[in-house]
Amino acid sequence: MSLPARKSLRAPEPTFADLFTPKLVTVLRDGYGWAQFRADAIAGLTVAIVALPLSMAIAIGSGLSPEKGLYTAIIGGFIISALGGSRFQIGGPAGAFIVLIATIVERHGYDGLVLATMMAGVMMIAIGLLRLGTTIKYIPFPVTVGFTAGIAVIIFASQVKELLGLDLPNEPAALIPKIGAISSTIHTLNVTAVILAVLSIGIILVLRRFRPTWPGLLIAVGIAALATYLFNLDVATIGTKFGELPRTLPFPDLPALSFAKIHAVFPDAIAIALLGSIESLLSAVVADGMTGRKHRSNCELVAQGTANIASVAFGGMCATGTIARTATNVRSGAHGPVSGILHAIYILLFMLVAAPLASYIPLASLGAVLAIVAWNMAEKEEFWSLLRTSWGDALVLMVTFLLTIFEDLTLAIGVGVTLGSFLFLHRMAEAVEVETGQRVIPTDEADATGAARSVYDPDAASGDIVVYQISGAFFFGATAAVGGVLDRIGRYPKAFVLDFSEVPLVDSTAAKALEGFVERLHRSGTRIYFAGAGKSVRRTLLIAGLRKPLVRYATTADDAVDHWHSVHKAPA
């Protein structure tokens, strides 16, 4: 009687459509009616109320005019929801970009920001189409917490000018020069601006505590604007600094291209692409955790890249998925991406109808909004927890944090990821063990489950057979430790069995190092067996030259020893 064919449990390879169909298509295909639209319309309005003051504040904090934040929320938010791979993602300008954008604008001007963002958009589309979106998960958690906390510190520092109403026309983007400039102009402090800032922060915190469902940011900004208008307060407002907001979207425009300009902004484009990818996918993961849904990371990156290109083409700035607005969208009962599309339309309607009212918004109140954003961004509990976890995690965290504050975000992420990788390799290398005379042959003993197993007794064989077992990933970081153990064998035995059954992977460095040891044993007349090597491990060993006549492969260490016993009196 023949046995039934064995079925594979491996999931089928996803198709292009599986990976890149926008969630909007999925939602509409599953059935979309009036009840779902009503839920999305309410959620979209709620998010728009939150996004309206925030978008203007982020743009001003980045050294740009407030309408650029609105353009980004409208164009970027629309595209991210329409084309994205997350059901609930809300896109637009993000606080995490403030430092980066301000630095780029200071170095290269707004045209440089447009070019860098377009290049970053192309990079993000390429990352998505190459299906590399899931690689973002390999960025260590201490790096994410470190640069997020660093950005929060810089955002708060950038708002001190507005919170105090200082007369500082040219504020440096870097932290140390910024502190110096603020110190030199502290005598220009505006008491009225300070009162409005404190009032705005107080309103936001009180409403968050007692009326968490109310739009605290908009209410605080609205009350500050109303007070400024009624009492004709002597404070800087959007109107006095930027003039009246435009009521329409601009026509798309492209920056002048030159090889020199592309070369100059290329590092900034990489930083935008990296930060945008991290932020958007983290936001999508948060939405997944709140709803039990699963986003399509590569589709999301393609949408993010497209949104960035379109946002700056229409006079905006960098766009990404925003965690706070996405969480608000979920809590407001959104059904799908239509809520994000409607949130963009609501903001457009505000521009068309009520843009003149924004002229009375005091910059101090928008500074208060960003101060709250900075406080919320800093993952304080995670920061202190990582400092106490281990010296390695604390080192990665602090290096990333300090480099973000005092040097550059791109450098901070690069150094943090590198340090985190070395820390991981160090931990993996420490986890590798080499055992001798254990878990192998002829004495029957019972294991923890009561089943009989064989254990090799080296003394019973008078040293004729030596059995070693490696446990853990055998890679370049563990090569020296494993090689040192193997070199201490002493007198060469007649047979040497190296058990790989507990080795999940071997890299080329470790395989080549092992080759030298095996060749020495082979020249001494020792018969060498590799036992229990998995398919990928055996392939790496064979490529490194570890094959007959140097090495014979066995399924288990028991089989290797049985084979040696059967042939050692008549060597092949």
Protein backbone atom coordinates (compact mmCIF):
# COMPACT_ATOMS: atom_id res chain seq x y z
CA MET A 1 0.00 0.00 0.00
CA SER A 2 1.52 3.26 -1.08
CA LEU A 3 1.63 6.23 1.27
CA PRO A 4 -0.25 9.39 0.28
CA ALA A 5 1.79 12.16 -1.29
CA ARG A 6 3.33 14.52 1.26
CA LYS A 7 1.88 18.02 1.15
CA SER A 8 4.03 21.07 1.74
CA LEU A 9 2.92 23.48 4.47
CA ARG A 10 4.85 26.38 2.90
CA ALA A 11 2.60 29.27 1.83
CA PRO A 12 2.50 29.92 -1.92
CA GLU A 13 4.69 32.72 -3.21
CA PRO A 14 2.65 35.98 -3.29
CA THR A 15 1.90 37.40 -6.72
CA PHE A 16 2.51 40.98 -7.84
CA ALA A 17 -1.19 41.71 -7.33
CA ASP A 18 -1.04 40.30 -3.79
CA LEU A 19 1.82 42.63 -2.90
CA PHE A 20 0.89 45.83 -4.72
CA THR A 21 -2.91 46.07 -4.86
CA PRO A 22 -3.85 49.20 -2.85
CA LYS A 23 -5.99 48.62 0.20
CA LEU A 24 -8.57 51.00 -1.27
CA VAL A 25 -9.19 48.50 -4.07
CA THR A 26 -9.47 45.67 -1.54
CA VAL A 27 -11.99 47.59 0.59
CA LEU A 28 -14.16 48.58 -2.37
CA ARG A 29 -14.00 45.06 -3.80
CA ASP A 30 -15.18 43.55 -0.51
CA GLY A 31 -18.29 45.74 -0.57
CA TYR A 32 -18.63 49.39 0.38
CA GLY A 33 -21.95 50.99 1.28
CA TRP A 34 -23.46 54.04 2.92
CA ALA A 35 -22.73 52.85 6.48
CA GLN A 36 -19.02 52.45 5.69
CA PHE A 37 -18.90 55.84 3.93
CA ARG A 38 -20.57 57.54 6.90
CA ALA A 39 -18.00 56.04 9.28
CA ASP A 40 -15.14 57.15 7.02
CA ALA A 41 -16.61 60.65 6.60
CA ILE A 42 -16.78 61.19 10.38
CA ALA A 43 -13.29 59.76 10.94
CA GLY A 44 -11.84 61.82 8.08
CA LEU A 45 -13.32 65.03 9.52
CA THR A 46 -11.91 64.23 12.95
CA VAL A 47 -8.46 63.64 11.53
CA ALA A 48 -8.63 66.80 9.38
CA ILE A 49 -9.40 68.88 12.49
CA VAL A 50 -6.25 67.47 14.11
CA ALA A 51 -4.14 67.75 10.94
CA LEU A 52 -5.07 71.35 10.09
CA PRO A 53 -3.11 73.22 12.80
CA LEU A 54 -0.46 70.49 12.92
CA SER A 55 0.34 70.71 9.20
CA MET A 56 0.86 74.48 9.38
CA ALA A 57 2.92 74.19 12.57
CA ILE A 58 5.20 71.53 11.10
CA ALA A 59 5.78 73.57 7.96
CA ILE A 60 6.66 76.69 9.98
CA GLY A 61 8.87 74.65 12.30
CA SER A 62 10.70 73.34 9.22
CA GLY A 63 11.52 76.87 8.06
CA LEU A 64 8.79 76.97 5.40
CA SER A 65 5.54 78.88 4.96
CA PRO A 66 2.38 77.32 6.47
CA GLU A 67 0.60 76.61 3.18
CA LYS A 68 3.33 74.10 2.26
CA GLY A 69 2.17 71.94 5.14
CA LEU A 70 -1.42 72.18 3.92
CA TYR A 71 -0.41 71.28 0.35
CA THR A 72 1.38 68.22 1.71
CA ALA A 73 -1.60 67.13 3.80
CA ILE A 74 -3.89 67.52 0.77
CA ILE A 75 -1.76 66.00 -2.02
CA GLY A 76 0.37 63.60 0.01
CA GLY A 77 -2.48 62.55 2.27
CA PHE A 78 -4.76 61.85 -0.71
CA ILE A 79 -2.22 59.72 -2.59
CA ILE A 80 -1.03 57.76 0.45
CA SER A 81 -4.61 56.76 1.27
CA ALA A 82 -5.59 56.08 -2.36
CA LEU A 83 -2.53 54.01 -3.33
CA GLY A 84 -1.18 52.76 0.00
CA GLY A 85 -0.93 49.29 1.43
CA SER A 86 -2.37 50.21 4.82
CA ARG A 87 -6.10 50.35 5.42
CA PHE A 88 -5.93 53.18 7.97
CA GLN A 89 -2.74 55.12 7.23
CA ILE A 90 -3.02 58.92 7.29
CA GLY A 91 -0.27 60.71 5.40
CA GLY A 92 1.01 64.25 5.52
CA PRO A 93 3.82 66.36 6.99
CA ALA A 94 5.41 64.78 10.05
CA GLY A 95 7.25 66.23 13.02
CA ALA A 96 10.07 63.75 12.53
CA PHE A 97 11.04 65.60 9.34
CA ILE A 98 11.32 69.06 10.89
CA VAL A 99 15.03 68.85 11.67
CA LEU A 100 15.93 67.27 8.34
CA ILE A 101 13.88 69.71 6.25
CA ALA A 102 15.17 72.75 8.12
CA THR A 103 18.75 71.62 7.55
CA ILE A 104 18.19 70.97 3.83
CA VAL A 105 16.47 74.33 3.32
CA GLU A 106 19.30 76.10 5.16
CA ARG A 107 21.93 74.42 2.96
CA HIS A 108 20.25 74.20 -0.43
CA GLY A 109 17.10 76.33 -0.33
CA TYR A 110 13.57 75.19 -1.09
CA ASP A 111 14.55 74.05 -4.62
CA GLY A 112 17.10 71.73 -3.02
CA LEU A 113 14.39 70.29 -0.77
CA VAL A 114 12.12 69.69 -3.77
CA LEU A 115 14.86 67.91 -5.69
CA ALA A 116 15.97 65.82 -2.69
CA THR A 117 12.37 64.81 -1.93
CA MET A 118 11.70 63.79 -5.53
CA MET A 119 14.88 61.70 -5.55
CA ALA A 120 13.83 60.15 -2.24
CA GLY A 121 10.42 59.37 -3.73
CA VAL A 122 12.06 57.50 -6.60
CA MET A 123 14.20 55.58 -4.07
CA MET A 124 11.15 54.61 -2.03
CA ILE A 125 9.30 53.41 -5.12
CA ALA A 126 12.35 51.34 -6.10
CA ILE A 127 12.63 49.85 -2.58
CA GLY A 128 8.98 48.87 -2.74
CA LEU A 129 9.10 47.39 -6.26
CA LEU A 130 12.22 45.41 -5.33
CA ARG A 131 10.23 44.01 -2.38
CA LEU A 132 12.71 45.31 0.18
CA GLY A 133 10.13 46.95 2.40
CA THR A 134 10.37 44.27 5.06
CA THR A 135 14.10 45.02 5.55
CA ILE A 136 13.12 48.10 7.56
CA LYS A 137 12.36 45.71 10.44
CA TYR A 138 16.10 45.04 10.80
CA ILE A 139 16.73 48.54 12.18
CA PRO A 140 17.40 47.94 15.90
CA PHE A 141 14.86 49.27 18.37
CA PRO A 142 17.47 51.36 20.30
CA VAL A 143 18.27 53.18 17.04
CA THR A 144 14.60 54.04 16.45
CA VAL A 145 14.12 55.25 20.03
CA GLY A 146 17.42 57.16 19.94
CA PHE A 147 16.83 59.18 16.80
CA THR A 148 13.16 59.78 17.68
CA ALA A 149 14.14 61.20 21.06
CA GLY A 150 16.88 63.27 19.43
CA ILE A 151 14.43 64.71 16.91
CA ALA A 152 12.03 65.54 19.76
CA VAL A 153 14.75 67.52 21.56
CA ILE A 154 15.59 69.49 18.42
CA ILE A 155 11.91 70.17 17.63
CA PHE A 156 11.41 71.61 21.11
CA ALA A 157 14.57 73.71 20.80
CA SER A 158 13.34 75.02 17.45
CA GLN A 159 10.12 76.29 19.05
CA VAL A 160 11.74 78.22 21.91
CA LYS A 161 11.88 81.28 19.64
CA GLU A 162 8.09 81.17 19.05
CA LEU A 163 7.23 80.20 22.62
CA LEU A 164 9.12 83.22 23.96
CA GLY A 165 8.27 85.55 21.06
CA LEU A 166 11.94 86.33 20.41
CA ASP A 167 13.06 88.64 17.63
CA LEU A 168 15.37 86.20 15.83
CA PRO A 169 15.19 86.67 12.05
CA ASN A 170 17.83 84.09 11.07
CA GLU A 171 17.62 81.08 13.35
CA PRO A 172 20.34 78.43 12.76
CA ALA A 173 19.18 74.85 12.18
CA ALA A 174 21.98 73.22 14.21
CA LEU A 175 21.36 72.91 17.95
CA ILE A 176 24.49 74.53 19.42
CA PRO A 177 24.37 77.64 17.17
CA LYS A 178 20.61 77.81 17.82
CA ILE A 179 21.14 77.89 21.59
CA GLY A 180 23.72 80.63 21.15
CA ALA A 181 21.38 82.69 18.96
CA ILE A 182 18.50 82.30 21.43
CA SER A 183 20.73 83.33 24.34
CA SER A 184 21.88 86.46 22.52
CA THR A 185 18.28 87.58 21.84
CA ILE A 186 16.63 86.61 25.12
CA HIS A 187 16.24 90.30 25.96
CA THR A 188 13.61 90.55 23.16
CA LEU A 189 11.24 88.21 25.02
CA ASN A 190 7.54 89.00 24.39
CA VAL A 191 5.45 88.47 27.53
CA THR A 192 2.21 88.32 25.53
CA ALA A 193 3.59 85.52 23.35
CA VAL A 194 4.66 83.59 26.46
CA ILE A 195 1.16 83.94 27.95
CA LEU A 196 -0.46 82.71 24.73
CA ALA A 197 1.96 79.77 24.55
CA VAL A 198 1.28 78.77 28.18
CA LEU A 199 -2.47 79.21 27.62
CA SER A 200 -2.38 76.99 24.52
CA ILE A 201 -0.37 74.26 26.25
CA GLY A 202 -2.70 74.41 29.25
CA ILE A 203 -5.82 74.08 27.08
CA ILE A 204 -4.36 71.10 25.21
CA LEU A 205 -3.37 69.29 28.41
CA VAL A 206 -6.66 70.00 30.22
CA LEU A 207 -8.76 68.84 27.28
CA ARG A 208 -6.59 65.75 26.87
CA ARG A 209 -7.19 64.92 30.52
CA PHE A 210 -10.91 65.68 30.83
CA ARG A 211 -12.23 65.70 27.23
CA PRO A 212 -9.90 63.41 25.28
CA THR A 213 -12.32 63.12 22.34
CA TRP A 214 -12.34 66.88 21.73
CA PRO A 215 -9.92 68.36 19.14
CA GLY A 216 -7.60 69.96 21.69
CA LEU A 217 -5.03 71.26 19.19
CA LEU A 218 -7.58 73.08 17.08
CA ILE A 219 -9.44 74.47 20.10
CA ALA A 220 -6.22 75.81 21.63
CA VAL A 221 -5.10 77.44 18.39
CA GLY A 222 -8.61 78.81 17.76
CA ILE A 223 -8.87 80.40 21.23
CA ALA A 224 -5.40 81.95 20.86
CA ALA A 225 -6.32 83.33 17.42
CA LEU A 226 -9.62 84.69 18.73
CA ALA A 227 -7.87 86.42 21.65
CA THR A 228 -5.28 87.90 19.29
CA TYR A 229 -8.03 89.29 17.03
CA LEU A 230 -10.34 90.63 19.77
CA PHE A 231 -7.63 92.30 21.86
CA ASN A 232 -5.34 93.22 18.95
CA LEU A 233 -2.41 91.57 20.72
CA ASP A 234 1.11 92.54 19.74
CA VAL A 235 2.40 89.10 18.76
CA ALA A 236 3.68 87.53 15.56
CA THR A 237 0.94 85.72 13.61
CA ILE A 238 0.74 83.79 10.36
CA GLY A 239 -0.57 86.93 8.71
CA THR A 240 2.20 89.25 9.94
CA LYS A 241 4.96 86.83 8.99
CA PHE A 242 3.65 85.03 5.91
CA GLY A 243 0.67 87.05 4.69
CA GLU A 244 -2.71 85.56 3.84
CA LEU A 245 -2.81 81.87 2.96
CA PRO A 246 -3.59 81.06 -0.69
CA ARG A 247 -7.06 79.71 -1.41
CA THR A 248 -6.13 77.31 -4.20
CA LEU A 249 -3.54 74.68 -4.95
CA PRO A 250 -0.64 75.84 -7.13
CA PHE A 251 0.08 74.33 -10.52
CA PRO A 252 2.71 71.57 -10.43
CA ASP A 253 6.27 72.77 -10.97
CA LEU A 254 9.64 71.03 -11.19
CA PRO A 255 13.00 72.34 -9.94
CA ALA A 256 15.89 73.13 -12.24
CA LEU A 257 18.06 70.04 -12.63
CA SER A 258 21.83 69.92 -12.78
CA PHE A 259 24.34 67.20 -12.01
CA ALA A 260 25.99 69.40 -9.39
CA LYS A 261 22.67 69.98 -7.60
CA ILE A 262 21.75 66.28 -7.75
CA HIS A 263 25.15 65.37 -6.31
CA ALA A 264 24.81 67.99 -3.57
CA VAL A 265 21.41 66.81 -2.31
CA PHE A 266 21.94 63.05 -2.82
CA PRO A 267 22.83 62.37 0.87
CA ASP A 268 19.73 64.33 1.92
CA ALA A 269 17.59 62.29 -0.48
CA ILE A 270 18.84 59.10 1.16
CA ALA A 271 17.99 60.51 4.60
CA ILE A 272 14.46 61.47 3.48
CA ALA A 273 13.89 58.04 1.91
CA LEU A 274 15.17 56.22 4.99
CA LEU A 275 13.28 58.32 7.53
CA GLY A 276 10.11 58.33 5.43
CA SER A 277 10.21 54.56 5.04
CA ILE A 278 10.78 53.99 8.75
CA GLU A 279 8.07 56.42 9.85
CA SER A 280 5.44 55.19 7.40
CA LEU A 281 5.97 51.50 8.12
CA LEU A 282 6.07 52.08 11.89
CA SER A 283 2.78 53.93 11.57
CA ALA A 284 1.30 51.08 9.52
CA VAL A 285 2.45 48.57 12.15
CA VAL A 286 0.77 50.65 14.88
CA ALA A 287 -2.47 50.63 12.87
CA ASP A 288 -2.16 46.84 12.43
CA GLY A 289 -1.76 46.41 16.17
CA MET A 290 -4.84 48.54 16.88
CA THR A 291 -7.10 46.82 14.35
CA GLY A 292 -5.78 43.29 13.82
CA ARG A 293 -5.33 44.00 10.10
CA LYS A 294 -2.12 43.51 8.10
CA HIS A 295 -0.60 46.12 5.82
CA ARG A 296 1.33 45.56 2.56
CA SER A 297 4.71 47.13 3.25
CA ASN A 298 6.02 47.21 -0.32
CA CYS A 299 2.77 48.68 -1.68
CA GLU A 300 2.90 51.26 1.11
CA LEU A 301 6.42 52.33 0.13
CA VAL A 302 5.44 52.73 -3.52
CA ALA A 303 2.56 54.97 -2.42
CA GLN A 304 4.81 56.94 -0.08
CA GLY A 305 7.34 57.53 -2.86
CA THR A 306 4.62 58.66 -5.27
CA ALA A 307 3.13 60.95 -2.62
CA ASN A 308 6.48 62.62 -1.95
CA ILE A 309 7.07 63.34 -5.63
CA ALA A 310 3.57 64.76 -6.05
CA SER A 311 3.66 66.78 -2.79
CA VAL A 312 6.74 68.80 -3.70
CA ALA A 313 5.60 69.12 -7.32
CA PHE A 314 2.56 70.99 -5.94
CA GLY A 315 4.65 73.19 -3.67
CA GLY A 316 4.60 71.03 -0.56
CA MET A 317 7.23 69.21 1.51
CA CYS A 318 8.13 65.67 2.56
CA ALA A 319 5.15 63.42 3.30
CA THR A 320 4.95 60.23 5.30
CA GLY A 321 2.57 58.14 7.37
CA THR A 322 1.88 59.83 10.69
CA ILE A 323 1.38 57.73 13.81
CA ALA A 324 -0.75 60.19 15.82
CA ARG A 325 -3.16 60.99 12.97
CA THR A 326 -3.36 57.33 11.95
CA ALA A 327 -4.21 56.33 15.53
CA THR A 328 -6.84 59.10 15.64
CA ASN A 329 -8.29 57.73 12.41
CA VAL A 330 -8.60 54.24 13.89
CA ARG A 331 -10.11 55.48 17.17
CA SER A 332 -12.63 57.56 15.23
CA GLY A 333 -14.12 54.42 13.67
CA ALA A 334 -12.67 54.56 10.15
CA HIS A 335 -13.57 51.66 7.88
CA GLY A 336 -10.84 52.05 5.26
CA PRO A 337 -8.71 54.40 3.12
CA VAL A 338 -11.68 56.56 2.13
CA SER A 339 -11.35 58.34 5.49
CA GLY A 340 -7.81 59.42 4.58
CA ILE A 341 -8.97 60.64 1.16
CA LEU A 342 -11.79 62.63 2.78
CA HIS A 343 -9.40 64.12 5.36
CA ALA A 344 -7.39 65.57 2.46
CA ILE A 345 -10.56 66.93 0.83
CA TYR A 346 -11.69 68.57 4.09
CA ILE A 347 -8.36 70.42 4.37
CA LEU A 348 -8.70 71.55 0.75
CA LEU A 349 -12.17 72.91 1.53
CA PHE A 350 -10.72 74.84 4.48
CA MET A 351 -8.20 76.47 2.13
CA LEU A 352 -10.93 77.36 -0.34
CA VAL A 353 -13.32 78.83 2.24
CA ALA A 354 -11.58 79.83 5.47
CA ALA A 355 -7.94 80.56 4.61
CA PRO A 356 -8.13 84.28 5.65
CA LEU A 357 -9.01 83.25 9.21
CA ALA A 358 -5.62 81.56 9.58
CA SER A 359 -3.91 84.97 9.39
CA TYR A 360 -4.86 85.62 13.04
CA ILE A 361 -3.24 82.43 14.38
CA PRO A 362 -0.33 83.47 16.65
CA LEU A 363 2.95 81.67 16.04
CA ALA A 364 3.26 81.17 19.81
CA SER A 365 0.20 78.89 19.78
CA LEU A 366 1.62 76.86 16.90
CA GLY A 367 4.88 76.65 18.83
CA ALA A 368 2.88 75.26 21.74
CA VAL A 369 1.39 72.62 19.42
CA LEU A 370 4.87 71.52 18.33
CA ALA A 371 6.11 71.53 21.93
CA ILE A 372 3.36 69.02 22.74
CA VAL A 373 4.27 67.03 19.62
CA ALA A 374 7.92 66.93 20.74
CA TRP A 375 6.93 65.73 24.22
CA ASN A 376 4.77 62.98 22.75
CA MET A 377 7.46 61.94 20.25
CA ALA A 378 10.09 61.32 22.89
CA GLU A 379 9.49 57.70 23.89
CA LYS A 380 10.50 58.38 27.47
CA GLU A 381 9.61 55.05 29.05
CA GLU A 382 11.33 53.09 26.28
CA PHE A 383 14.38 55.39 26.52
CA TRP A 384 14.91 54.80 30.25
CA SER A 385 14.11 51.11 29.92
CA LEU A 386 16.80 50.65 27.25
CA LEU A 387 19.34 52.49 29.39
CA ARG A 388 18.76 49.88 32.10
CA THR A 389 18.54 46.82 29.83
CA SER A 390 22.21 46.26 28.91
CA TRP A 391 25.36 48.23 28.23
CA GLY A 392 25.16 47.35 24.53
CA ASP A 393 21.63 48.66 24.01
CA ALA A 394 22.42 51.73 26.12
CA LEU A 395 25.49 52.45 23.97
CA VAL A 396 23.55 52.18 20.70
CA LEU A 397 20.75 54.33 22.11
CA MET A 398 23.00 57.13 23.40
CA VAL A 399 25.24 57.24 20.34
CA THR A 400 22.22 57.52 18.05
CA PHE A 401 20.57 60.10 20.33
CA LEU A 402 23.65 62.33 20.66
CA LEU A 403 24.59 62.14 16.97
CA THR A 404 21.02 63.10 16.03
CA ILE A 405 21.20 66.16 18.29
CA PHE A 406 24.72 67.36 17.60
CA GLU A 407 25.61 66.04 14.15
CA ASP A 408 23.27 64.63 11.53
CA LEU A 409 20.28 62.31 11.36
CA THR A 410 21.70 60.23 8.50
CA LEU A 411 24.99 59.75 10.33
CA ALA A 412 23.12 58.90 13.53
CA ILE A 413 21.05 56.17 11.88
CA GLY A 414 24.06 54.78 9.99
CA VAL A 415 26.29 54.62 13.06
CA GLY A 416 23.44 53.30 15.23
CA VAL A 417 22.59 50.49 12.82
CA THR A 418 26.29 49.59 12.47
CA LEU A 419 26.79 49.47 16.24
CA GLY A 420 23.58 47.50 16.64
CA SER A 421 24.75 45.00 14.03
CA PHE A 422 28.10 44.52 15.76
CA LEU A 423 26.31 44.09 19.08
CA PHE A 424 24.05 41.44 17.54
CA LEU A 425 27.02 39.61 16.02
CA HIS A 426 28.85 39.74 19.36
CA ARG A 427 25.84 38.21 21.12
CA MET A 428 25.47 35.55 18.44
CA ALA A 429 29.16 34.67 18.69
CA GLU A 430 28.90 34.35 22.46
CA ALA A 431 25.93 32.00 22.05
CA VAL A 432 27.96 29.48 20.00
CA GLU A 433 29.10 26.46 22.02
CA VAL A 434 31.35 23.51 21.23
CA GLU A 435 30.65 20.32 23.19
CA THR A 436 32.84 17.24 23.33
CA GLY A 437 31.97 13.68 24.20
CA GLN A 438 28.26 14.43 24.58
CA ARG A 439 25.00 13.61 22.78
CA VAL A 440 26.42 10.95 20.53
CA ILE A 441 26.91 7.09 20.88
CA PRO A 442 26.81 3.66 22.34
CA THR A 443 25.56 3.91 25.99
CA ASP A 444 21.77 3.92 26.26
CA GLU A 445 20.44 6.62 28.55
CA ALA A 446 16.99 8.11 28.99
CA ASP A 447 16.44 11.72 28.10
CA ALA A 448 13.95 14.08 29.76
CA THR A 449 11.03 12.57 27.85
CA GLY A 450 11.90 8.98 28.79
CA ALA A 451 13.01 7.95 25.30
CA ALA A 452 16.30 6.12 24.89
CA ARG A 453 19.16 7.99 23.27
CA SER A 454 22.86 7.32 22.61
CA VAL A 455 25.71 9.09 24.29
CA TYR A 456 29.28 8.72 23.12
CA ASP A 457 31.82 7.85 25.78
CA PRO A 458 35.26 8.97 24.56
CA ASP A 459 37.13 7.04 27.27
CA ALA A 460 35.60 3.73 26.12
CA ALA A 461 37.09 4.25 22.68
CA SER A 462 40.57 5.01 24.00
CA GLY A 463 40.69 8.25 22.07
CA ASP A 464 40.25 6.55 18.70
CA ILE A 465 37.09 8.58 18.01
CA VAL A 466 36.57 12.22 18.97
CA VAL A 467 33.11 13.72 18.63
CA TYR A 468 32.49 17.47 18.83
CA GLN A 469 29.17 19.23 18.52
CA ILE A 470 28.73 22.88 17.56
CA SER A 471 25.58 24.62 18.82
CA GLY A 472 24.49 27.96 17.37
CA ALA A 473 25.15 30.00 14.26
CA PHE A 474 28.70 29.29 13.04
CA PHE A 475 29.67 32.55 11.36
CA PHE A 476 32.70 34.82 11.14
CA GLY A 477 32.11 36.26 14.62
CA ALA A 478 32.35 32.79 16.20
CA THR A 479 35.20 31.48 14.03
CA ALA A 480 38.00 32.34 16.44
CA ALA A 481 36.25 30.80 19.45
CA VAL A 482 35.32 27.56 17.67
CA GLY A 483 38.74 27.33 16.01
CA GLY A 484 40.43 27.72 19.38
CA VAL A 485 38.45 24.80 20.84
CA LEU A 486 39.15 22.56 17.86
CA ASP A 487 42.87 23.37 17.92
CA ARG A 488 43.06 22.11 21.52
CA ILE A 489 42.30 18.51 20.49
CA GLY A 490 45.90 17.54 21.14
CA ARG A 491 46.82 14.10 19.72
CA TYR A 492 45.06 13.53 16.42
CA PRO A 493 42.43 10.73 16.73
CA LYS A 494 41.78 8.00 14.16
CA ALA A 495 38.30 9.45 13.50
CA PHE A 496 36.88 12.90 14.06
CA VAL A 497 33.13 13.57 13.97
CA LEU A 498 31.84 17.15 13.89
CA ASP A 499 28.12 17.29 14.62
CA PHE A 500 26.26 20.17 12.89
CA SER A 501 22.74 19.14 13.93
CA GLU A 502 22.41 22.20 16.20
CA VAL A 503 23.86 24.65 13.64
CA PRO A 504 21.25 26.71 11.73
CA LEU A 505 23.76 28.44 9.46
CA VAL A 506 27.40 28.53 8.42
CA ASP A 507 28.95 31.42 6.53
CA SER A 508 31.87 31.33 4.08
CA THR A 509 34.38 32.73 6.61
CA ALA A 510 33.66 29.98 9.11
CA ALA A 511 33.68 27.30 6.40
CA LYS A 512 37.08 28.41 5.10
CA ALA A 513 38.53 28.51 8.61
CA LEU A 514 37.21 24.98 9.17
CA GLU A 515 38.82 23.85 5.93
CA GLY A 516 42.32 24.56 7.30
CA PHE A 517 41.66 22.53 10.44
CA VAL A 518 40.22 19.62 8.43
CA GLU A 519 43.21 19.56 6.08
CA ARG A 520 45.58 19.21 9.07
CA LEU A 521 43.53 16.31 10.41
CA HIS A 522 43.42 14.68 6.96
CA ARG A 523 47.21 14.89 6.53
CA SER A 524 47.62 13.14 9.90
CA GLY A 525 45.53 10.21 8.68
CA THR A 526 42.35 11.06 10.59
CA ARG A 527 39.06 10.16 8.95
CA ILE A 528 36.70 13.17 9.18
CA TYR A 529 32.91 13.06 9.30
CA PHE A 530 30.44 15.96 9.25
CA ALA A 531 27.14 14.83 10.74
CA GLY A 532 23.65 16.31 10.82
CA ALA A 533 24.36 19.21 8.45
CA GLY A 534 21.19 20.75 7.02
CA LYS A 535 20.77 21.50 3.35
CA SER A 536 21.96 25.11 3.44
CA VAL A 537 24.79 24.34 5.87
CA ARG A 538 26.03 21.43 3.75
CA ARG A 539 25.88 23.57 0.61
CA THR A 540 28.12 26.24 2.18
CA LEU A 541 30.58 23.61 3.40
CA LEU A 542 30.75 21.93 -0.01
CA ILE A 543 31.33 25.25 -1.78
CA ALA A 544 34.25 25.87 0.60
CA GLY A 545 35.86 22.59 -0.57
CA LEU A 546 34.85 20.45 2.39
CA ARG A 547 34.05 17.30 0.42
CA LYS A 548 35.61 13.90 -0.31
CA PRO A 549 38.37 12.90 0.19
CA LEU A 550 38.66 15.45 3.01
CA VAL A 551 35.23 14.91 4.54
CA ARG A 552 32.47 12.34 4.54
CA TYR A 553 28.90 13.38 5.39
CA ALA A 554 26.57 11.41 7.65
CA THR A 555 22.96 11.91 8.61
CA THR A 556 23.70 11.67 12.35
CA ALA A 557 26.75 11.36 14.57
CA ASP A 558 25.64 7.80 15.38
CA ASP A 559 25.76 6.92 11.69
CA ALA A 560 29.21 8.45 11.37
CA VAL A 561 30.62 6.41 14.24
CA ASP A 562 28.91 3.22 13.01
CA HIS A 563 30.45 3.78 9.59
CA TRP A 564 33.93 4.23 11.06
CA HIS A 565 33.57 1.07 13.17
CA SER A 566 32.64 -0.89 10.05
CA VAL A 567 35.59 0.28 7.95
CA HIS A 568 38.45 1.37 10.22
CA LYS A 569 40.03 -2.09 10.18
CA ALA A 570 39.95 -2.01 6.40
CA PRO A 571 40.30 1.62 5.42
CA ALA A 572 38.76 2.57 2.07
